[in-house]
Amino acid sequence: MIKIVVTGAKGLIGWHAHARLHAANCAASFQGGPLPYEIVALSHAGFDDDAILQAAVRGADAVLHFAGVNRAPDDEVEAANPNIARRLASACRAAESTPHIVYANSTHAASDTPYGRSKRVAGEVLDASFSRYTDLVLPHIFGEGAQPFYNNVTATLIKQILTGQKITANPDGRVQLLHAGAAAQVAIDAIIGGTTGCLTPEPRPISVPDLLAKLEGFHASYIANIYPDCSDAFDLALFNSYRAATYPDGWSRPLKLNTDSRGTLFEAVKGGGGGQTFLSTTEPGITRGDHFHLDKVERFLVIQGEAVIRVRKVLNDEVWEYHVSGDAPAAVDMPTLHTHSIENIGQKSLLTLFWTHNLYDPQNPDTFSDKVLP
């Protein structure tokens, strides 16, 4: 078992990294094998207590160092990141620990700004303190769980679109985008492969107006019950980021029923560029699911019976519940990085349609067992 400390574990990249390590443990547990990782999630508060910090790094094989400060007065930002790096190095010395450090640096480290200097100096501190050091230089990061109006243009645009705000995009604005999950995976792979030195994952360059247009296109299609083409990996990650922001209040979504003397017709799924449809029966009192996905787009649609669909953000405790019935079909789409289940709460067999945007691949199922309820 590899002991990995994730600093800044409640931040965007930290949460994505923790979730992916957790997914690997879930997969191993489901298969009856040993867990590959001992994960220590360290919040910013952990750096304020010597005992907590030293206990976290003691015996650690690796540290994914995502903790940092980017929003504060200039003098505080400039001092904060080097100080956090020094605290980490000091704790490792005190604990007699020599982990592999993967540091989430920034493309801004090349700039002569308080934040740029802060990130650059922090990297120099870590490089001088550890024999195994990976400098992971990251561009603009987006992804599920990003905070709008907090140094994240993608999350901000999504929030503005969902709340119907008037948006003015800088016509000259450009961003270099990388999904938080992709950044986290590069960091994890560096640990597994023992890769040191500088890593610069390739981003997707896009203008802010084009980014806004793409997100507005997702929104217009999705509220019309049409999935966009998800064949491009970047578009899939961006669409999943948008979808996650619709939770918890945007669901369930009643479907338009076309009823006449012959019966009722409704459109279950449209668009998506392909995919796969499943039908299942579930007996009263039985629960299906209890798993999450990293990339998969998935729809649940009860067409007969009564059910409760439960959704919980991975590594979080709050559970959202959606009561659905075949008498009034309403779709509930599963956001990525959220574990979910469906329970038959009726008195008869439950009939449910499931749709995913891609074909099931038994060699790479993108399905990680994780109970929604304790």
Protein backbone atom coordinates (compact mmCIF):
# COMPACT_ATOMS: atom_id res chain seq x y z
CA MET A 1 0.00 0.00 0.00
CA ILE A 2 1.28 3.44 -0.95
CA LYS A 3 0.70 6.24 1.56
CA ILE A 4 -0.21 9.44 -0.29
CA VAL A 5 -0.87 12.77 1.40
CA VAL A 6 -3.11 15.17 -0.52
CA THR A 7 -2.71 18.76 0.66
CA GLY A 8 -5.43 21.24 -0.17
CA ALA A 9 -7.75 18.23 -0.36
CA LYS A 10 -10.88 20.40 -0.22
CA GLY A 11 -9.76 22.51 -3.16
CA LEU A 12 -10.62 21.78 -6.77
CA ILE A 13 -7.58 19.74 -7.87
CA GLY A 14 -7.13 18.26 -4.40
CA TRP A 15 -10.68 16.94 -4.34
CA HIS A 16 -10.36 15.51 -7.85
CA ALA A 17 -7.08 13.80 -6.90
CA HIS A 18 -8.54 12.42 -3.67
CA ALA A 19 -11.61 11.18 -5.57
CA ARG A 20 -9.46 9.36 -8.13
CA LEU A 21 -7.35 7.69 -5.45
CA HIS A 22 -10.57 6.77 -3.66
CA ALA A 23 -11.91 5.33 -6.93
CA ALA A 24 -8.87 3.06 -7.22
CA ASN A 25 -9.46 1.84 -3.67
CA CYS A 26 -13.17 1.28 -4.41
CA ALA A 27 -12.30 -0.80 -7.49
CA ALA A 28 -9.80 -2.91 -5.55
CA SER A 29 -12.25 -3.45 -2.69
CA PHE A 30 -15.03 -4.50 -5.09
CA GLN A 31 -12.69 -7.09 -6.64
CA GLY A 32 -11.68 -8.39 -3.20
CA GLY A 33 -8.07 -7.26 -3.50
CA PRO A 34 -5.87 -5.16 -1.20
CA LEU A 35 -6.31 -1.39 -1.27
CA PRO A 36 -3.53 0.27 -3.29
CA TYR A 37 -3.54 3.56 -1.37
CA GLU A 38 -3.58 4.87 2.16
CA ILE A 39 -4.91 8.38 1.60
CA VAL A 40 -4.37 11.24 4.02
CA ALA A 41 -6.48 14.26 3.09
CA LEU A 42 -4.97 17.42 4.54
CA SER A 43 -6.88 20.70 4.52
CA HIS A 44 -5.29 24.13 4.81
CA ALA A 45 -6.04 24.05 8.55
CA GLY A 46 -3.68 21.09 8.90
CA PHE A 47 -0.76 23.41 8.22
CA ASP A 48 -1.56 25.37 11.37
CA ASP A 49 -0.81 22.47 13.71
CA ASP A 50 2.67 20.91 13.87
CA ALA A 51 1.40 17.64 15.35
CA ILE A 52 -1.28 17.17 12.68
CA LEU A 53 1.09 18.03 9.86
CA GLN A 54 3.89 15.76 11.09
CA ALA A 55 1.50 12.87 11.69
CA ALA A 56 0.14 13.29 8.17
CA VAL A 57 3.54 13.09 6.46
CA ARG A 58 5.10 10.47 8.73
CA GLY A 59 5.78 7.38 6.63
CA ALA A 60 4.37 9.02 3.51
CA ASP A 61 5.57 7.71 0.17
CA ALA A 62 4.30 10.76 -1.66
CA VAL A 63 2.70 14.15 -1.22
CA LEU A 64 0.41 15.65 -3.83
CA HIS A 65 0.87 19.27 -2.83
CA PHE A 66 -2.14 21.29 -3.97
CA ALA A 67 -2.50 23.57 -0.93
CA GLY A 68 -1.93 27.21 -1.74
CA VAL A 69 -3.23 30.76 -1.61
CA ASN A 70 -4.29 32.74 -4.66
CA ARG A 71 -6.87 35.18 -3.30
CA ALA A 72 -5.62 37.65 -0.70
CA PRO A 73 -3.86 41.03 -0.55
CA ASP A 74 -0.70 41.01 -2.67
CA ASP A 75 1.73 40.90 0.26
CA GLU A 76 -0.12 37.98 1.84
CA VAL A 77 -0.24 36.02 -1.42
CA GLU A 78 3.47 36.57 -2.04
CA ALA A 79 4.40 35.25 1.41
CA ALA A 80 1.82 32.50 1.78
CA ASN A 81 2.83 29.86 -0.76
CA PRO A 82 6.57 29.85 0.13
CA ASN A 83 5.61 29.65 3.82
CA ILE A 84 3.32 26.68 3.18
CA ALA A 85 6.16 24.97 1.27
CA ARG A 86 8.57 25.62 4.16
CA ARG A 87 6.04 24.22 6.65
CA LEU A 88 5.72 21.05 4.57
CA ALA A 89 9.49 20.63 4.29
CA SER A 90 9.98 21.26 8.01
CA ALA A 91 7.28 18.73 8.95
CA CYS A 92 8.87 16.07 6.74
CA ARG A 93 12.26 16.64 8.36
CA ALA A 94 10.75 16.42 11.84
CA ALA A 95 8.92 13.22 10.91
CA GLU A 96 12.04 11.80 9.21
CA SER A 97 10.00 11.38 6.05
CA THR A 98 11.35 11.63 2.50
CA PRO A 99 8.29 11.52 0.22
CA HIS A 100 8.08 12.15 -3.49
CA ILE A 101 6.61 15.66 -3.82
CA VAL A 102 4.35 16.57 -6.73
CA TYR A 103 3.77 20.32 -6.59
CA ALA A 104 0.86 21.98 -8.39
CA ASN A 105 2.70 24.96 -9.83
CA SER A 106 1.24 27.47 -12.25
CA THR A 107 2.03 28.94 -15.63
CA HIS A 108 1.89 32.27 -13.75
CA ALA A 109 5.14 31.32 -12.01
CA ALA A 110 6.95 32.75 -15.02
CA SER A 111 5.39 36.18 -14.46
CA ASP A 112 6.70 38.98 -12.25
CA THR A 113 3.56 39.34 -10.14
CA PRO A 114 2.99 38.69 -6.42
CA TYR A 115 1.19 35.44 -7.22
CA GLY A 116 3.71 34.41 -9.86
CA ARG A 117 6.67 35.06 -7.58
CA SER A 118 4.88 33.26 -4.74
CA LYS A 119 4.35 30.09 -6.79
CA ARG A 120 7.88 30.20 -8.22
CA VAL A 121 9.59 30.60 -4.83
CA ALA A 122 7.45 27.86 -3.28
CA GLY A 123 8.61 25.51 -6.04
CA GLU A 124 12.24 26.45 -5.42
CA VAL A 125 11.81 25.71 -1.70
CA LEU A 126 10.39 22.26 -2.41
CA ASP A 127 12.97 21.47 -5.08
CA ALA A 128 15.78 22.28 -2.65
CA SER A 129 14.20 20.28 0.19
CA PHE A 130 13.32 16.96 -1.46
CA SER A 131 15.34 14.58 -3.60
CA ARG A 132 12.25 13.43 -5.48
CA TYR A 133 10.41 16.47 -6.78
CA THR A 134 7.95 16.95 -9.64
CA ASP A 135 7.09 20.44 -10.79
CA LEU A 136 3.59 20.16 -12.29
CA VAL A 137 3.01 23.41 -14.18
CA LEU A 138 -0.72 23.92 -14.68
CA PRO A 139 -2.78 26.33 -16.81
CA HIS A 140 -6.38 27.42 -16.09
CA ILE A 141 -8.16 24.55 -14.34
CA PHE A 142 -11.87 23.78 -14.64
CA GLY A 143 -14.04 20.92 -13.50
CA GLU A 144 -16.84 19.59 -11.35
CA GLY A 145 -16.89 21.34 -7.98
CA ALA A 146 -15.18 24.55 -9.12
CA GLN A 147 -16.29 27.70 -7.33
CA PRO A 148 -17.78 30.48 -9.47
CA PHE A 149 -16.49 34.00 -8.93
CA TYR A 150 -13.32 32.56 -7.42
CA ASN A 151 -10.59 32.77 -10.02
CA ASN A 152 -12.36 30.28 -12.29
CA VAL A 153 -13.81 31.74 -15.46
CA THR A 154 -15.47 28.48 -16.55
CA ALA A 155 -17.38 28.02 -13.29
CA THR A 156 -18.34 31.68 -13.31
CA LEU A 157 -19.76 31.51 -16.83
CA ILE A 158 -21.68 28.33 -15.99
CA LYS A 159 -23.19 29.96 -12.91
CA GLN A 160 -24.19 33.04 -14.88
CA ILE A 161 -25.81 30.93 -17.60
CA LEU A 162 -27.76 28.80 -15.12
CA THR A 163 -29.04 31.85 -13.25
CA GLY A 164 -29.96 33.73 -16.40
CA GLN A 165 -27.55 36.60 -15.89
CA LYS A 166 -26.50 38.91 -18.68
CA ILE A 167 -22.95 38.00 -19.66
CA THR A 168 -20.38 40.21 -21.32
CA ALA A 169 -17.34 38.25 -22.49
CA ASN A 170 -14.03 39.99 -23.06
CA PRO A 171 -13.62 39.74 -26.85
CA ASP A 172 -9.83 39.59 -26.46
CA GLY A 173 -9.83 37.13 -23.55
CA ARG A 174 -8.14 33.77 -24.03
CA VAL A 175 -7.66 30.87 -21.63
CA GLN A 176 -5.66 27.65 -21.68
CA LEU A 177 -7.99 25.08 -20.12
CA LEU A 178 -7.24 21.75 -18.44
CA HIS A 179 -9.76 19.58 -16.60
CA ALA A 180 -9.01 19.14 -12.90
CA GLY A 181 -9.34 15.37 -13.27
CA ALA A 182 -6.73 15.33 -16.01
CA ALA A 183 -4.37 17.43 -13.89
CA ALA A 184 -4.94 15.16 -10.91
CA GLN A 185 -4.26 12.05 -12.99
CA VAL A 186 -0.96 13.45 -14.26
CA ALA A 187 0.05 14.04 -10.62
CA ILE A 188 -0.97 10.50 -9.59
CA ASP A 189 0.80 8.97 -12.60
CA ALA A 190 3.98 10.85 -11.65
CA ILE A 191 3.89 9.14 -8.26
CA ILE A 192 3.20 5.71 -9.71
CA GLY A 193 5.87 6.07 -12.40
CA GLY A 194 8.42 7.84 -10.21
CA THR A 195 8.55 10.75 -12.65
CA THR A 196 10.47 13.80 -11.47
CA GLY A 197 11.36 17.11 -13.09
CA CYS A 198 8.99 19.46 -14.88
CA LEU A 199 5.64 18.30 -16.30
CA THR A 200 3.46 20.58 -18.43
CA PRO A 201 0.15 18.91 -19.39
CA GLU A 202 -1.17 20.17 -22.71
CA PRO A 203 -4.21 22.45 -22.30
CA ARG A 204 -6.99 23.34 -24.72
CA PRO A 205 -6.58 26.96 -25.88
CA ILE A 206 -9.87 28.76 -26.37
CA SER A 207 -11.12 32.34 -26.49
CA VAL A 208 -13.50 33.43 -23.75
CA PRO A 209 -16.25 34.23 -26.30
CA ASP A 210 -15.88 30.74 -27.80
CA LEU A 211 -15.97 29.18 -24.34
CA LEU A 212 -19.13 31.11 -23.53
CA ALA A 213 -20.72 30.09 -26.84
CA LYS A 214 -19.91 26.42 -26.20
CA LEU A 215 -21.41 26.54 -22.70
CA GLU A 216 -24.48 28.40 -23.90
CA GLY A 217 -24.88 25.74 -26.60
CA PHE A 218 -24.76 23.00 -23.96
CA HIS A 219 -27.38 24.83 -21.92
CA ALA A 220 -29.77 25.49 -24.78
CA SER A 221 -29.66 21.84 -25.86
CA TYR A 222 -29.85 20.38 -22.38
CA ILE A 223 -32.92 22.33 -21.29
CA ALA A 224 -34.52 21.10 -24.51
CA ASN A 225 -33.69 17.52 -23.39
CA ILE A 226 -31.00 17.10 -26.07
CA TYR A 227 -27.50 15.91 -25.26
CA PRO A 228 -24.59 17.50 -27.14
CA ASP A 229 -22.06 15.39 -29.00
CA CYS A 230 -19.74 14.05 -26.29
CA SER A 231 -17.18 12.37 -28.56
CA ASP A 232 -14.47 14.99 -27.90
CA ALA A 233 -12.77 14.48 -24.51
CA PHE A 234 -12.55 18.19 -23.79
CA ASP A 235 -16.21 18.77 -24.64
CA LEU A 236 -17.18 15.81 -22.45
CA ALA A 237 -15.23 17.21 -19.49
CA LEU A 238 -16.71 20.67 -20.02
CA PHE A 239 -20.24 19.28 -20.36
CA ASN A 240 -19.80 17.22 -17.19
CA SER A 241 -18.62 20.34 -15.37
CA TYR A 242 -21.74 22.15 -16.56
CA ARG A 243 -23.99 19.20 -15.58
CA ALA A 244 -22.57 18.99 -12.08
CA ALA A 245 -23.43 22.66 -11.51
CA THR A 246 -27.12 21.90 -12.17
CA TYR A 247 -27.24 19.90 -8.92
CA PRO A 248 -28.99 19.63 -6.56
CA ASP A 249 -31.86 21.94 -7.48
CA GLY A 250 -32.13 21.33 -11.23
CA TRP A 251 -33.58 17.82 -10.91
CA SER A 252 -35.69 15.82 -11.52
CA ARG A 253 -36.84 16.99 -14.98
CA PRO A 254 -40.38 16.02 -16.04
CA LEU A 255 -40.69 14.91 -19.64
CA LYS A 256 -43.33 16.15 -22.05
CA LEU A 257 -46.08 13.53 -22.31
CA ASN A 258 -48.01 13.22 -25.57
CA THR A 259 -51.25 11.49 -24.64
CA ASP A 260 -54.28 10.53 -26.71
CA SER A 261 -56.79 7.71 -26.84
CA ARG A 262 -54.08 5.23 -27.85
CA GLY A 263 -51.88 5.94 -24.81
CA THR A 264 -48.85 8.08 -24.04
CA LEU A 265 -45.59 8.77 -25.86
CA PHE A 266 -42.57 10.67 -24.54
CA GLU A 267 -38.98 11.21 -25.68
CA ALA A 268 -36.56 9.60 -23.22
CA VAL A 269 -33.16 10.52 -24.69
CA LYS A 270 -32.08 12.62 -27.65
CA GLY A 271 -28.66 13.42 -29.10
CA GLY A 272 -25.39 12.51 -27.44
CA GLY A 273 -23.68 11.15 -30.53
CA GLY A 274 -24.51 7.52 -29.78
CA GLY A 275 -24.45 5.61 -26.52
CA GLN A 276 -26.18 2.63 -25.02
CA THR A 277 -29.62 2.02 -23.51
CA PHE A 278 -30.42 -0.50 -20.78
CA LEU A 279 -33.71 -1.61 -19.26
CA SER A 280 -33.86 -3.23 -15.84
CA THR A 281 -36.42 -4.54 -13.42
CA THR A 282 -35.93 -4.10 -9.68
CA GLU A 283 -38.01 -5.86 -7.07
CA PRO A 284 -39.61 -4.00 -4.12
CA GLY A 285 -37.14 -2.97 -1.42
CA ILE A 286 -34.09 -3.58 -3.64
CA THR A 287 -31.45 -0.91 -4.36
CA ARG A 288 -29.37 -0.73 -7.54
CA GLY A 289 -26.29 1.36 -8.25
CA ASP A 290 -24.23 2.56 -5.28
CA HIS A 291 -21.40 3.58 -7.58
CA PHE A 292 -19.93 6.63 -9.30
CA HIS A 293 -18.26 7.51 -12.59
CA LEU A 294 -15.33 9.72 -13.56
CA ASP A 295 -16.45 10.53 -17.13
CA LYS A 296 -19.66 8.71 -17.99
CA VAL A 297 -22.86 10.62 -18.76
CA GLU A 298 -25.79 8.60 -17.45
CA ARG A 299 -29.56 9.04 -17.29
CA PHE A 300 -32.04 7.27 -15.00
CA LEU A 301 -35.68 7.21 -16.11
CA VAL A 302 -38.33 5.24 -14.23
CA ILE A 303 -41.11 4.15 -16.58
CA GLN A 304 -43.03 1.88 -14.23
CA GLY A 305 -43.26 1.82 -10.46
CA GLU A 306 -42.08 4.10 -7.64
CA ALA A 307 -38.47 4.83 -6.73
CA VAL A 308 -36.16 7.14 -4.85
CA ILE A 309 -32.91 8.12 -6.54
CA ARG A 310 -30.14 9.17 -4.18
CA VAL A 311 -27.05 11.17 -5.12
CA ARG A 312 -24.03 12.06 -2.97
CA LYS A 313 -20.92 13.97 -3.96
CA VAL A 314 -17.92 11.66 -3.59
CA LEU A 315 -16.11 12.11 -0.25
CA ASN A 316 -19.02 14.21 1.03
CA ASP A 317 -21.83 13.36 3.44
CA GLU A 318 -24.87 15.22 2.11
CA VAL A 319 -27.34 13.01 0.24
CA TRP A 320 -29.87 14.40 -2.25
CA GLU A 321 -33.08 12.44 -2.83
CA TYR A 322 -35.36 12.50 -5.87
CA HIS A 323 -38.69 10.68 -5.76
CA VAL A 324 -39.78 9.51 -9.20
CA SER A 325 -42.68 7.54 -10.62
CA GLY A 326 -43.57 5.82 -13.85
CA ASP A 327 -46.93 7.61 -13.67
CA ALA A 328 -45.16 10.94 -14.37
CA PRO A 329 -41.83 10.11 -16.07
CA ALA A 330 -39.06 12.48 -15.04
CA ALA A 331 -35.39 12.13 -15.91
CA VAL A 332 -32.56 12.30 -13.39
CA ASP A 333 -29.05 12.48 -14.83
CA MET A 334 -26.12 11.29 -12.75
CA PRO A 335 -23.37 13.90 -12.36
CA THR A 336 -19.81 12.59 -12.59
CA LEU A 337 -17.91 12.16 -9.31
CA HIS A 338 -21.22 11.68 -7.49
CA THR A 339 -22.15 8.24 -6.20
CA HIS A 340 -25.77 7.32 -6.87
CA SER A 341 -28.41 4.65 -6.34
CA ILE A 342 -32.03 3.85 -7.12
CA GLU A 343 -34.33 2.05 -4.66
CA ASN A 344 -37.70 0.50 -5.45
CA ILE A 345 -40.01 1.96 -2.80
CA GLY A 346 -43.22 0.71 -4.43
CA GLN A 347 -45.22 -2.48 -4.11
CA LYS A 348 -44.56 -3.84 -7.59
CA SER A 349 -41.62 -4.42 -9.89
CA LEU A 350 -39.77 -1.25 -10.91
CA LEU A 351 -38.93 -0.78 -14.60
CA THR A 352 -36.10 1.68 -15.27
CA LEU A 353 -34.44 2.89 -18.46
CA PHE A 354 -30.74 3.70 -18.16
CA TRP A 355 -28.82 5.54 -20.89
CA THR A 356 -25.08 6.21 -21.12
CA HIS A 357 -23.23 8.31 -23.66
CA ASN A 358 -20.80 5.50 -24.56
CA LEU A 359 -20.81 1.74 -24.95
CA TYR A 360 -20.04 -0.33 -21.88
CA ASP A 361 -16.42 -1.48 -21.89
CA PRO A 362 -15.79 -4.33 -19.41
CA GLN A 363 -12.04 -3.59 -19.56
CA ASN A 364 -12.64 0.03 -18.59
CA PRO A 365 -16.11 0.24 -17.04
CA ASP A 366 -15.63 3.66 -15.37
CA THR A 367 -17.78 2.38 -12.51
CA PHE A 368 -16.61 2.52 -8.88
CA SER A 369 -18.58 0.88 -6.10
CA ASP A 370 -19.32 3.35 -3.28
CA LYS A 371 -22.49 3.18 -1.19
CA VAL A 372 -24.55 6.35 -1.15
CA LEU A 373 -25.86 5.67 2.35
CA PRO A 374 -23.61 4.47 5.21
